[in-house]
Amino acid sequence: MATKTIHVNEDIYKRLFKVAEQLQTELRHSVSVDEAIKILMDDFKMKNKISDLAGTWDISEGEVETIKKSLKDGWRRWKTSA
């Protein structure tokens, strides 16, 4: 498998190492950047649910109706194809 290079902004890189450092203190063992990313991702998944977004969107009534229509159309197509 070929290795791909990912470029990370220097500020993000520094923040990630700061998080790894904090995790090392909390977990009392060395933490790689990869492990820090995995822990952050898992923690984010456990703490955040789609329902947490309720009330955070600032959309018009017209946009709400468009979304509702799109969902209804999608369900209708799904039901007829199943």
C-alpha atoms as a PDB file:
ATOM      1  CA  MET A   1       0.000   0.000   0.000  1.00  0.00           C
ATOM      2  CA  ALA A   2       1.406   3.381  -0.989  1.00  0.00           C
ATOM      3  CA  THR A   3       1.970   5.978   1.711  1.00  0.00           C
ATOM      4  CA  LYS A   4       0.244   9.310   1.184  1.00  0.00           C
ATOM      5  CA  THR A   5       1.398  12.601   2.622  1.00  0.00           C
ATOM      6  CA  ILE A   6      -1.043  14.752   4.535  1.00  0.00           C
ATOM      7  CA  HIS A   7      -0.176  18.369   5.186  1.00  0.00           C
ATOM      8  CA  VAL A   8      -1.345  19.809   8.482  1.00  0.00           C
ATOM      9  CA  ASN A   9      -1.393  23.486   9.339  1.00  0.00           C
ATOM     10  CA  GLU A  10       1.380  24.303  11.847  1.00  0.00           C
ATOM     11  CA  ASP A  11      -1.080  25.683  14.417  1.00  0.00           C
ATOM     12  CA  ILE A  12      -3.202  22.517  14.224  1.00  0.00           C
ATOM     13  CA  TYR A  13      -0.058  20.399  14.539  1.00  0.00           C
ATOM     14  CA  LYS A  14       0.965  22.263  17.706  1.00  0.00           C
ATOM     15  CA  ARG A  15      -2.527  21.936  19.176  1.00  0.00           C
ATOM     16  CA  LEU A  16      -2.559  18.217  18.438  1.00  0.00           C
ATOM     17  CA  PHE A  17       0.719  17.748  20.293  1.00  0.00           C
ATOM     18  CA  LYS A  18      -0.688  19.757  23.203  1.00  0.00           C
ATOM     19  CA  VAL A  19      -3.677  17.401  23.309  1.00  0.00           C
ATOM     20  CA  ALA A  20      -1.339  14.372  23.182  1.00  0.00           C
ATOM     21  CA  GLU A  21       0.601  15.878  26.075  1.00  0.00           C
ATOM     22  CA  GLN A  22      -2.591  16.351  28.105  1.00  0.00           C
ATOM     23  CA  LEU A  23      -3.687  12.785  27.340  1.00  0.00           C
ATOM     24  CA  GLN A  24      -0.307  11.483  28.478  1.00  0.00           C
ATOM     25  CA  THR A  25      -0.800  13.258  31.800  1.00  0.00           C
ATOM     26  CA  GLU A  26      -4.337  11.893  32.203  1.00  0.00           C
ATOM     27  CA  LEU A  27      -3.587   8.339  31.047  1.00  0.00           C
ATOM     28  CA  ARG A  28      -0.132   8.164  32.652  1.00  0.00           C
ATOM     29  CA  HIS A  29       1.523   6.594  29.617  1.00  0.00           C
ATOM     30  CA  SER A  30       3.024   7.900  26.396  1.00  0.00           C
ATOM     31  CA  VAL A  31       0.514   8.781  23.701  1.00  0.00           C
ATOM     32  CA  SER A  32       1.373   8.928  20.007  1.00  0.00           C
ATOM     33  CA  VAL A  33      -0.231  11.515  17.746  1.00  0.00           C
ATOM     34  CA  ASP A  34      -2.135   8.673  16.043  1.00  0.00           C
ATOM     35  CA  GLU A  35      -3.477   7.498  19.401  1.00  0.00           C
ATOM     36  CA  ALA A  36      -4.397  11.072  20.351  1.00  0.00           C
ATOM     37  CA  ILE A  37      -6.382  11.448  17.124  1.00  0.00           C
ATOM     38  CA  LYS A  38      -8.161   8.112  17.695  1.00  0.00           C
ATOM     39  CA  ILE A  39      -9.013   9.022  21.294  1.00  0.00           C
ATOM     40  CA  LEU A  40     -10.336  12.419  20.216  1.00  0.00           C
ATOM     41  CA  MET A  41     -12.432  10.889  17.440  1.00  0.00           C
ATOM     42  CA  ASP A  42     -13.870   8.187  19.710  1.00  0.00           C
ATOM     43  CA  ASP A  43     -14.533  10.732  22.455  1.00  0.00           C
ATOM     44  CA  PHE A  44     -16.258  13.048  19.971  1.00  0.00           C
ATOM     45  CA  LYS A  45     -18.494  10.210  18.757  1.00  0.00           C
ATOM     46  CA  MET A  46     -19.478   9.262  22.300  1.00  0.00           C
ATOM     47  CA  LYS A  47     -20.218  12.806  23.434  1.00  0.00           C
ATOM     48  CA  ASN A  48     -21.889  14.133  20.310  1.00  0.00           C
ATOM     49  CA  LYS A  49     -25.157  12.984  18.837  1.00  0.00           C
ATOM     50  CA  ILE A  50     -27.006  14.393  15.865  1.00  0.00           C
ATOM     51  CA  SER A  51     -29.719  15.498  18.293  1.00  0.00           C
ATOM     52  CA  ASP A  52     -27.164  17.868  19.863  1.00  0.00           C
ATOM     53  CA  LEU A  53     -27.604  20.010  16.766  1.00  0.00           C
ATOM     54  CA  ALA A  54     -31.299  20.590  17.453  1.00  0.00           C
ATOM     55  CA  GLY A  55     -32.001  24.294  17.461  1.00  0.00           C
ATOM     56  CA  THR A  56     -28.585  25.264  16.129  1.00  0.00           C
ATOM     57  CA  TRP A  57     -29.542  25.730  12.491  1.00  0.00           C
ATOM     58  CA  ASP A  58     -30.647  29.165  11.425  1.00  0.00           C
ATOM     59  CA  ILE A  59     -32.770  28.459   8.357  1.00  0.00           C
ATOM     60  CA  SER A  60     -35.875  29.966   6.839  1.00  0.00           C
ATOM     61  CA  GLU A  61     -39.294  28.329   6.678  1.00  0.00           C
ATOM     62  CA  GLY A  62     -38.797  27.940   2.917  1.00  0.00           C
ATOM     63  CA  GLU A  63     -35.602  25.965   3.526  1.00  0.00           C
ATOM     64  CA  VAL A  64     -37.429  23.791   6.075  1.00  0.00           C
ATOM     65  CA  GLU A  65     -40.132  23.010   3.524  1.00  0.00           C
ATOM     66  CA  THR A  66     -37.503  22.191   0.870  1.00  0.00           C
ATOM     67  CA  ILE A  67     -35.795  19.759   3.264  1.00  0.00           C
ATOM     68  CA  LYS A  68     -39.112  18.142   4.221  1.00  0.00           C
ATOM     69  CA  LYS A  69     -40.079  17.725   0.553  1.00  0.00           C
ATOM     70  CA  SER A  70     -36.697  16.244  -0.254  1.00  0.00           C
ATOM     71  CA  LEU A  71     -36.987  13.750   2.625  1.00  0.00           C
ATOM     72  CA  LYS A  72     -40.510  12.749   1.588  1.00  0.00           C
ATOM     73  CA  ASP A  73     -39.396  12.248  -2.017  1.00  0.00           C
ATOM     74  CA  GLY A  74     -36.408  10.184  -0.873  1.00  0.00           C
ATOM     75  CA  TRP A  75     -38.544   7.933   1.329  1.00  0.00           C
ATOM     76  CA  ARG A  76     -41.105   7.533  -1.450  1.00  0.00           C
ATOM     77  CA  ARG A  77     -38.406   6.446  -3.933  1.00  0.00           C
ATOM     78  CA  TRP A  78     -36.875   4.108  -1.338  1.00  0.00           C
ATOM     79  CA  LYS A  79     -40.223   2.466  -0.543  1.00  0.00           C
ATOM     80  CA  THR A  80     -41.055   1.888  -4.215  1.00  0.00           C
ATOM     81  CA  SER A  81     -37.613   0.386  -4.935  1.00  0.00           C
ATOM     82  CA  ALA A  82     -37.631  -1.957  -1.911  1.00  0.00           C
END
